[in-house]
Amino acid sequence: MAKKNLKIAFFGSSIVSAYWNGAATYYRGIVKSLNKMGHSVTFYEPNIFERQKNRDIEDPDWCEVIIYEKDKLNLRSLLRGVQEEADVIIKASGVGVFDEFLEYEVAMMKEEDNLVIFWDVDAPATLERMEEDNSDPFIPLVPEYDFILTYGGGKPVIETYESFGAQKCIPIYNALDTETHFPVEEEEKFNATLAFLGNRLPDREKRVEEFFIKPANELTNENFILGGSGWGDKNLPSNVNYLGHVYTIDHNAFNSSPRAVLNISRNSMATFGFSPATRVFEAAGAAACIITDYWEGIEQFFEPGKEILVVKNGDELTKILKELNDAEARKIGKAALKRVLGEHTYQHRAKLLEKIFSKELFGEESVK
């Protein structure tokens, strides 16, 4: 039985702002579910990238949020308090400032009665970096952490982390937050044949051109919607409506209104597979008909053809859009919603985390 009221310190990019921060809803779902189980979480995030000016939420009642300035002396002071109080200390990848410093300091906080965890929300990028540079300062730290948790990646990521000496690597996949993502009435401004929401990133852009822009050029009589930051100067077809940043308050309508919603993986995530994006579960939670580019491991989360539509190139996607009617799209969306409610909510993920925490701290026999 896991100890109740664990004190968990979590260093991450941001839990209050999704601005240039795709991990925000992932963190919220995990932390909120841990709080419901009786654990208290303090989330430490830096005041950078104008995220505090572009908040999606105020400080929540399900965790304490501590925002620190870009000041290493102040951060050292925070860390001293964390080591004295916390049962579990988590350093997430991609905090955005003092990452190497935090990775070392958190690893060195290991004591007999606590857990230190590195939570990699972009494992493909981290592993690629370490494989290309054997002097990477994170390499000797990997074995010092009790657990390496990852945002996804499946067996390839687990085996690669273990090759660097990880004591235990366990994926904690994205999931659905049932309190924030659910079906809503359609909104006219989001009506379209196909909608895609994603920030402009170098290792995703060519795939966006193939899976979104190419079909839009082919289907000139259909309407397409593009949401996300950074696409303002992109040459887009005239039938693409670019919305810019879409705040989380509008995500349900964005997912519920179009005939289909597109998921496009980043190159690194597609290469490693087993890495469904947060927005896949958000869209499924809104009963959207999801079309995704192919990546290994899809079948672990959704049944292709019944709960999700899978394409390997833009031509296949164009063909699907020509044949997909509203009734079939709604049927697929309802099946996806049923699947995530049964297997892929953050309550499911938090139960796994409790097993992980209790194994090291309180004598659980195994993590299943």
Foldseek 3Di string as FASTA:
>chain_A
DFDAAAEEEEEAQDQFFCAVNQCNVVVVQQQQLSLVRHYEYEYEAECDPCRVVHTLHDQDPSYHYDYHYLDVVVVVVVLVVCLVGGQEYEYEPPSPHCNLVVLVSLLVSDDQFHFYEYEYAQLLVVLVVCVVDVVPSCLVSQQSGQEYEYQWQPPVSQVSSVVSPHPGYYYLYAADDLVQFAADDADPVLEWQEEEEDADDPQFVVVCCKAPQVLCVVCVVTAYEYEYADCPPPDGDPRYHYDYHDRSNCLLNNLNHYLAYEDTDGNSCQVSFGHDRNVVNSSLRNLFAYEYEDGPPVVVQDDDPQQHDYDPTNVVNSVCSVPDDSVSRSRNSPRSNVRRVVAGGSNNSNVLVSLVSCVSNPPDPDRD
